[in-house]
Amino acid sequence: MRLLIDDDGMSTAEYAIGTIAAAAFGAVLYGVVTGDSIVNALTQIIDKALSTSV
């Protein structure tokens, strides 16, 4: 009966899955931010902000 209730390794597995998910999310976010479309959009926003006259 004790074997059915015992879950000693549970938190380690959850931490491992959480770490893998965080690493995957970081990789996707890095890919999006360093992509050409984001860099071009940010460059256009900065150029527009700097070229406005007051």
Protein backbone atom coordinates (compact mmCIF):
# COMPACT_ATOMS: atom_id res chain seq x y z
CA MET A 1 0.00 0.00 0.00
CA ARG A 2 2.88 2.38 0.75
CA LEU A 3 4.17 2.04 -2.83
CA LEU A 4 0.93 3.45 -4.24
CA ILE A 5 1.08 6.60 -2.08
CA ASP A 6 4.85 7.22 -2.19
CA ASP A 7 5.83 9.92 -4.73
CA ASP A 8 9.39 10.86 -3.71
CA GLY A 9 10.65 11.45 -7.26
CA MET A 10 7.69 13.57 -8.30
CA SER A 11 9.14 17.00 -7.61
CA THR A 12 12.39 16.20 -9.44
CA ALA A 13 10.49 15.20 -12.56
CA GLU A 14 8.34 18.32 -12.37
CA TYR A 15 11.42 20.52 -12.05
CA ALA A 16 13.03 18.79 -15.03
CA ILE A 17 9.95 19.31 -17.19
CA GLY A 18 9.68 22.94 -16.06
CA THR A 19 13.34 23.55 -16.88
CA ILE A 20 12.97 22.03 -20.35
CA ALA A 21 9.84 24.10 -21.00
CA ALA A 22 11.58 27.31 -19.87
CA ALA A 23 14.58 26.57 -22.09
CA ALA A 24 12.34 25.89 -25.08
CA PHE A 25 10.39 29.10 -24.46
CA GLY A 26 13.66 31.03 -24.21
CA ALA A 27 14.87 29.58 -27.50
CA VAL A 28 11.63 30.51 -29.26
CA LEU A 29 11.67 34.00 -27.78
CA TYR A 30 15.31 34.49 -28.82
CA GLY A 31 14.45 33.38 -32.35
CA VAL A 32 11.55 35.81 -32.55
CA VAL A 33 13.45 38.78 -31.14
CA THR A 34 16.52 38.26 -33.32
CA GLY A 35 14.44 37.69 -36.45
CA ASP A 36 14.60 40.22 -39.27
CA SER A 37 10.98 41.32 -38.95
CA ILE A 38 11.36 42.41 -35.33
CA VAL A 39 14.66 44.19 -35.98
CA ASN A 40 13.17 45.98 -38.99
CA ALA A 41 10.06 47.01 -37.05
CA LEU A 42 12.10 48.39 -34.17
CA THR A 43 14.41 50.23 -36.58
CA GLN A 44 11.41 51.82 -38.31
CA ILE A 45 9.92 52.90 -34.98
CA ILE A 46 13.20 54.47 -33.86
CA ASP A 47 13.75 56.18 -37.23
CA LYS A 48 10.23 57.58 -37.15
CA ALA A 49 10.67 58.83 -33.58
CA LEU A 50 13.98 60.50 -34.41
CA SER A 51 12.77 62.10 -37.63
CA THR A 52 9.73 63.87 -36.16
CA SER A 53 9.97 67.62 -35.81
CA VAL A 54 8.70 69.47 -32.80
